[in-house]
Structures are given as structure tokens and as C-alpha cells.
Amino acid sequence: MPVVLCLTVVLSVGIGVAAAYASIFSILFALAPSSRPQSAARPRLVLVTSQNHASGD
């Protein structure tokens, strides 16, 4: 009897955690496009030839 009770509790908690995880991520994915700024292409990082040395001075 205690094994069945322990298994039931563990399964119930696991299902609850999985359901909470899925609901939080579905809410985040649903709201992500509206909170992201609609901008042009991302700026590119350019290495300037005069500043391509690593110096500690």
C-alpha cells in the first residue's frame, strides 16, 4: 500500500510540474513576438583594421 501511495504522489507531482512548465513556456512563446522590437536586420560587427591588436597598454 505505501508503494502505491508513494508512486501516486510522485506521478502527480511530476505531471503537475510538467503541466506548469508547458503552460509557462506556451505563454512566453505566445507573448515573445509582440514584446520584441520590429527592427531591420541586426547590425554586423566589423573588425576595423586599425584596431585589430590586443594590447595591455
PDB file of N, CA and C in Angstrom:
ATOM      1  N   MET A   1       0.807  -1.212   0.000  1.00  0.00           N
ATOM      2  CA  MET A   1       0.000   0.000   0.000  1.00  0.00           C
ATOM      3  C   MET A   1       0.852   1.278   0.000  1.00  0.00           C
ATOM      4  N   PRO A   2       1.905   1.372   0.830  1.00  0.00           N
ATOM      5  CA  PRO A   2       2.716   2.597   0.814  1.00  0.00           C
ATOM      6  C   PRO A   2       3.414   2.820  -0.526  1.00  0.00           C
ATOM      7  N   VAL A   3       3.744   1.734  -1.239  1.00  0.00           N
ATOM      8  CA  VAL A   3       4.407   1.886  -2.531  1.00  0.00           C
ATOM      9  C   VAL A   3       3.456   2.519  -3.539  1.00  0.00           C
ATOM     10  N   VAL A   4       2.202   2.106  -3.515  1.00  0.00           N
ATOM     11  CA  VAL A   4       1.208   2.664  -4.433  1.00  0.00           C
ATOM     12  C   VAL A   4       0.970   4.133  -4.111  1.00  0.00           C
ATOM     13  N   LEU A   5       0.905   4.471  -2.843  1.00  0.00           N
ATOM     14  CA  LEU A   5       0.701   5.861  -2.427  1.00  0.00           C
ATOM     15  C   LEU A   5       1.893   6.720  -2.833  1.00  0.00           C
ATOM     16  N   CYS A   6       3.082   6.216  -2.615  1.00  0.00           N
ATOM     17  CA  CYS A   6       4.298   6.963  -2.983  1.00  0.00           C
ATOM     18  C   CYS A   6       4.373   7.156  -4.495  1.00  0.00           C
ATOM     19  N   LEU A   7       4.070   6.115  -5.248  1.00  0.00           N
ATOM     20  CA  LEU A   7       4.082   6.215  -6.706  1.00  0.00           C
ATOM     21  C   LEU A   7       3.031   7.204  -7.202  1.00  0.00           C
ATOM     22  N   THR A   8       1.866   7.202  -6.583  1.00  0.00           N
ATOM     23  CA  THR A   8       0.806   8.141  -6.966  1.00  0.00           C
ATOM     24  C   THR A   8       1.224   9.588  -6.695  1.00  0.00           C
ATOM     25  N   VAL A   9       1.842   9.822  -5.564  1.00  0.00           N
ATOM     26  CA  VAL A   9       2.291  11.175  -5.217  1.00  0.00           C
ATOM     27  C   VAL A   9       3.387  11.632  -6.171  1.00  0.00           C
ATOM     28  N   VAL A  10       4.341  10.757  -6.454  1.00  0.00           N
ATOM     29  CA  VAL A  10       5.433  11.119  -7.347  1.00  0.00           C
ATOM     30  C   VAL A  10       4.909  11.408  -8.751  1.00  0.00           C
ATOM     31  N   LEU A  11       4.002  10.589  -9.254  1.00  0.00           N
ATOM     32  CA  LEU A  11       3.431  10.818 -10.582  1.00  0.00           C
ATOM     33  C   LEU A  11       2.599  12.099 -10.628  1.00  0.00           C
ATOM     34  N   SER A  12       1.836  12.363  -9.579  1.00  0.00           N
ATOM     35  CA  SER A  12       1.014  13.571  -9.544  1.00  0.00           C
ATOM     36  C   SER A  12       1.880  14.832  -9.526  1.00  0.00           C
ATOM     37  N   VAL A  13       2.916  14.816  -8.743  1.00  0.00           N
ATOM     38  CA  VAL A  13       3.815  15.972  -8.683  1.00  0.00           C
ATOM     39  C   VAL A  13       4.540  16.137 -10.014  1.00  0.00           C
ATOM     40  N   GLY A  14       4.974  15.044 -10.610  1.00  0.00           N
ATOM     41  CA  GLY A  14       5.649  15.115 -11.901  1.00  0.00           C
ATOM     42  C   GLY A  14       4.753  15.659 -12.996  1.00  0.00           C
ATOM     43  N   ILE A  15       3.514  15.205 -13.023  1.00  0.00           N
ATOM     44  CA  ILE A  15       2.565  15.706 -14.028  1.00  0.00           C
ATOM     45  C   ILE A  15       2.271  17.182 -13.787  1.00  0.00           C
ATOM     46  N   GLY A  16       2.172  17.591 -12.537  1.00  0.00           N
ATOM     47  CA  GLY A  16       1.939  18.999 -12.225  1.00  0.00           C
ATOM     48  C   GLY A  16       3.093  19.897 -12.638  1.00  0.00           C
ATOM     49  N   VAL A  17       4.302  19.443 -12.395  1.00  0.00           N
ATOM     50  CA  VAL A  17       5.480  20.220 -12.785  1.00  0.00           C
ATOM     51  C   VAL A  17       5.572  20.311 -14.306  1.00  0.00           C
ATOM     52  N   ALA A  18       5.308  19.203 -14.997  1.00  0.00           N
ATOM     53  CA  ALA A  18       5.351  19.221 -16.456  1.00  0.00           C
ATOM     54  C   ALA A  18       4.272  20.131 -17.035  1.00  0.00           C
ATOM     55  N   ALA A  19       3.076  20.124 -16.438  1.00  0.00           N
ATOM     56  CA  ALA A  19       1.997  20.990 -16.915  1.00  0.00           C
ATOM     57  C   ALA A  19       2.327  22.464 -16.677  1.00  0.00           C
ATOM     58  N   ALA A  20       2.906  22.774 -15.531  1.00  0.00           N
ATOM     59  CA  ALA A  20       3.291  24.162 -15.248  1.00  0.00           C
ATOM     60  C   ALA A  20       4.393  24.620 -16.207  1.00  0.00           C
ATOM     61  N   TYR A  21       5.360  23.755 -16.444  1.00  0.00           N
ATOM     62  CA  TYR A  21       6.454  24.059 -17.371  1.00  0.00           C
ATOM     63  C   TYR A  21       5.907  24.328 -18.771  1.00  0.00           C
ATOM     64  N   ALA A  22       5.007  23.482 -19.234  1.00  0.00           N
ATOM     65  CA  ALA A  22       4.435  23.648 -20.570  1.00  0.00           C
ATOM     66  C   ALA A  22       3.592  24.918 -20.655  1.00  0.00           C
ATOM     67  N   SER A  23       2.831  25.221 -19.621  1.00  0.00           N
ATOM     68  CA  SER A  23       1.987  26.418 -19.680  1.00  0.00           C
ATOM     69  C   SER A  23       2.817  27.698 -19.642  1.00  0.00           C
ATOM     70  N   ILE A  24       3.856  27.730 -18.828  1.00  0.00           N
ATOM     71  CA  ILE A  24       4.716  28.921 -18.766  1.00  0.00           C
ATOM     72  C   ILE A  24       5.401  29.153 -20.108  1.00  0.00           C
ATOM     73  N   PHE A  25       5.938  28.087 -20.713  1.00  0.00           N
ATOM     74  CA  PHE A  25       6.620  28.264 -21.978  1.00  0.00           C
ATOM     75  C   PHE A  25       5.663  28.594 -23.118  1.00  0.00           C
ATOM     76  N   SER A  26       4.452  28.076 -23.071  1.00  0.00           N
ATOM     77  CA  SER A  26       3.494  28.449 -24.116  1.00  0.00           C
ATOM     78  C   SER A  26       3.087  29.912 -23.990  1.00  0.00           C
ATOM     79  N   ILE A  27       2.972  30.409 -22.781  1.00  0.00           N
ATOM     80  CA  ILE A  27       2.671  31.828 -22.580  1.00  0.00           C
ATOM     81  C   ILE A  27       3.838  32.688 -23.056  1.00  0.00           C
ATOM     82  N   LEU A  28       5.063  32.272 -22.725  1.00  0.00           N
ATOM     83  CA  LEU A  28       6.233  33.045 -23.159  1.00  0.00           C
ATOM     84  C   LEU A  28       6.363  33.065 -24.669  1.00  0.00           C
ATOM     85  N   PHE A  29       6.128  31.927 -25.327  1.00  0.00           N
ATOM     86  CA  PHE A  29       6.222  31.890 -26.786  1.00  0.00           C
ATOM     87  C   PHE A  29       5.095  32.689 -27.427  1.00  0.00           C
ATOM     88  N   ALA A  30       3.935  32.738 -26.799  1.00  0.00           N
ATOM     89  CA  ALA A  30       2.823  33.498 -27.355  1.00  0.00           C
ATOM     90  C   ALA A  30       3.066  35.000 -27.257  1.00  0.00           C
ATOM     91  N   LEU A  31       3.734  35.438 -26.197  1.00  0.00           N
ATOM     92  CA  LEU A  31       3.957  36.864 -25.988  1.00  0.00           C
ATOM     93  C   LEU A  31       5.280  37.360 -26.549  1.00  0.00           C
ATOM     94  N   ALA A  32       6.171  36.480 -26.939  1.00  0.00           N
ATOM     95  CA  ALA A  32       7.501  36.886 -27.393  1.00  0.00           C
ATOM     96  C   ALA A  32       7.483  37.765 -28.641  1.00  0.00           C
ATOM     97  N   PRO A  33       6.728  37.458 -29.698  1.00  0.00           N
ATOM     98  CA  PRO A  33       6.777  38.317 -30.890  1.00  0.00           C
ATOM     99  C   PRO A  33       6.283  39.730 -30.632  1.00  0.00           C
ATOM    100  N   SER A  34       5.323  39.920 -29.742  1.00  0.00           N
ATOM    101  CA  SER A  34       4.798  41.261 -29.503  1.00  0.00           C
ATOM    102  C   SER A  34       5.747  42.096 -28.661  1.00  0.00           C
ATOM    103  N   SER A  35       6.573  41.468 -27.833  1.00  0.00           N
ATOM    104  CA  SER A  35       7.479  42.238 -26.993  1.00  0.00           C
ATOM    105  C   SER A  35       8.811  42.512 -27.682  1.00  0.00           C
ATOM    106  N   ARG A  36       9.093  41.817 -28.760  1.00  0.00           N
ATOM    107  CA  ARG A  36      10.347  42.012 -29.487  1.00  0.00           C
ATOM    108  C   ARG A  36      10.213  43.213 -30.421  1.00  0.00           C
ATOM    109  N   PRO A  37      11.155  44.147 -30.380  1.00  0.00           N
ATOM    110  CA  PRO A  37      11.053  45.304 -31.279  1.00  0.00           C
ATOM    111  C   PRO A  37      11.189  44.882 -32.740  1.00  0.00           C
ATOM    112  N   GLN A  38      10.365  45.457 -33.573  1.00  0.00           N
ATOM    113  CA  GLN A  38      10.409  45.171 -35.004  1.00  0.00           C
ATOM    114  C   GLN A  38      11.417  46.107 -35.647  1.00  0.00           C
ATOM    115  N   SER A  39      12.611  45.618 -35.836  1.00  0.00           N
ATOM    116  CA  SER A  39      13.657  46.450 -36.409  1.00  0.00           C
ATOM    117  C   SER A  39      14.169  45.806 -37.681  1.00  0.00           C
ATOM    118  N   ALA A  40      15.040  46.516 -38.329  1.00  0.00           N
ATOM    119  CA  ALA A  40      15.651  46.000 -39.556  1.00  0.00           C
ATOM    120  C   ALA A  40      16.627  44.890 -39.180  1.00  0.00           C
ATOM    121  N   ALA A  41      17.472  44.529 -40.096  1.00  0.00           N
ATOM    122  CA  ALA A  41      18.443  43.465 -39.845  1.00  0.00           C
ATOM    123  C   ALA A  41      19.375  43.852 -38.699  1.00  0.00           C
ATOM    124  N   ARG A  42      19.881  42.849 -38.042  1.00  0.00           N
ATOM    125  CA  ARG A  42      20.797  43.102 -36.937  1.00  0.00           C
ATOM    126  C   ARG A  42      22.078  43.729 -37.454  1.00  0.00           C
ATOM    127  N   PRO A  43      22.647  44.667 -36.707  1.00  0.00           N
ATOM    128  CA  PRO A  43      23.904  45.272 -37.153  1.00  0.00           C
ATOM    129  C   PRO A  43      25.032  44.240 -37.117  1.00  0.00           C
ATOM    130  N   ARG A  44      25.913  44.328 -38.068  1.00  0.00           N
ATOM    131  CA  ARG A  44      27.040  43.410 -38.135  1.00  0.00           C
ATOM    132  C   ARG A  44      28.221  43.992 -37.380  1.00  0.00           C
ATOM    133  N   LEU A  45      28.967  43.108 -36.760  1.00  0.00           N
ATOM    134  CA  LEU A  45      30.187  43.531 -36.096  1.00  0.00           C
ATOM    135  C   LEU A  45      31.310  43.557 -37.127  1.00  0.00           C
ATOM    136  N   VAL A  46      32.004  44.667 -37.188  1.00  0.00           N
ATOM    137  CA  VAL A  46      33.055  44.844 -38.189  1.00  0.00           C
ATOM    138  C   VAL A  46      34.368  45.055 -37.465  1.00  0.00           C
ATOM    139  N   LEU A  47      35.392  44.337 -37.906  1.00  0.00           N
ATOM    140  CA  LEU A  47      36.717  44.498 -37.333  1.00  0.00           C
ATOM    141  C   LEU A  47      37.450  45.581 -38.111  1.00  0.00           C
ATOM    142  N   VAL A  48      37.752  46.662 -37.422  1.00  0.00           N
ATOM    143  CA  VAL A  48      38.463  47.771 -38.045  1.00  0.00           C
ATOM    144  C   VAL A  48      39.950  47.416 -38.081  1.00  0.00           C
ATOM    145  N   THR A  49      40.574  47.609 -39.231  1.00  0.00           N
ATOM    146  CA  THR A  49      41.966  47.184 -39.394  1.00  0.00           C
ATOM    147  C   THR A  49      42.916  47.927 -38.482  1.00  0.00           C
ATOM    148  N   SER A  50      42.587  49.133 -38.089  1.00  0.00           N
ATOM    149  CA  SER A  50      43.498  49.878 -37.202  1.00  0.00           C
ATOM    150  C   SER A  50      43.351  49.445 -35.753  1.00  0.00           C
ATOM    151  N   GLN A  51      42.358  48.645 -35.428  1.00  0.00           N
ATOM    152  CA  GLN A  51      42.128  48.250 -34.046  1.00  0.00           C
ATOM    153  C   GLN A  51      42.057  46.730 -33.903  1.00  0.00           C
ATOM    154  N   ASN A  52      42.890  46.012 -34.628  1.00  0.00           N
ATOM    155  CA  ASN A  52      42.839  44.568 -34.577  1.00  0.00           C
ATOM    156  C   ASN A  52      43.955  43.969 -33.726  1.00  0.00           C
ATOM    157  N   HIS A  53      44.542  44.748 -32.855  1.00  0.00           N
ATOM    158  CA  HIS A  53      45.588  44.226 -31.980  1.00  0.00           C
ATOM    159  C   HIS A  53      45.073  44.171 -30.552  1.00  0.00           C
ATOM    160  N   ALA A  54      45.588  43.232 -29.807  1.00  0.00           N
ATOM    161  CA  ALA A  54      45.239  43.101 -28.395  1.00  0.00           C
ATOM    162  C   ALA A  54      46.441  43.607 -27.588  1.00  0.00           C
ATOM    163  N   SER A  55      46.262  44.711 -26.941  1.00  0.00           N
ATOM    164  CA  SER A  55      47.365  45.297 -26.201  1.00  0.00           C
ATOM    165  C   SER A  55      46.913  45.582 -24.783  1.00  0.00           C
ATOM    166  N   GLY A  56      47.817  45.410 -23.861  1.00  0.00           N
ATOM    167  CA  GLY A  56      47.506  45.704 -22.468  1.00  0.00           C
ATOM    168  C   GLY A  56      47.915  47.109 -22.047  1.00  0.00           C
ATOM    169  N   ASP A  57      48.480  47.868 -22.958  1.00  0.00           N
ATOM    170  CA  ASP A  57      48.962  49.207 -22.618  1.00  0.00           C
ATOM    171  C   ASP A  57      47.858  50.219 -22.697  1.00  0.00           C
TER     172      ASP A  57
END
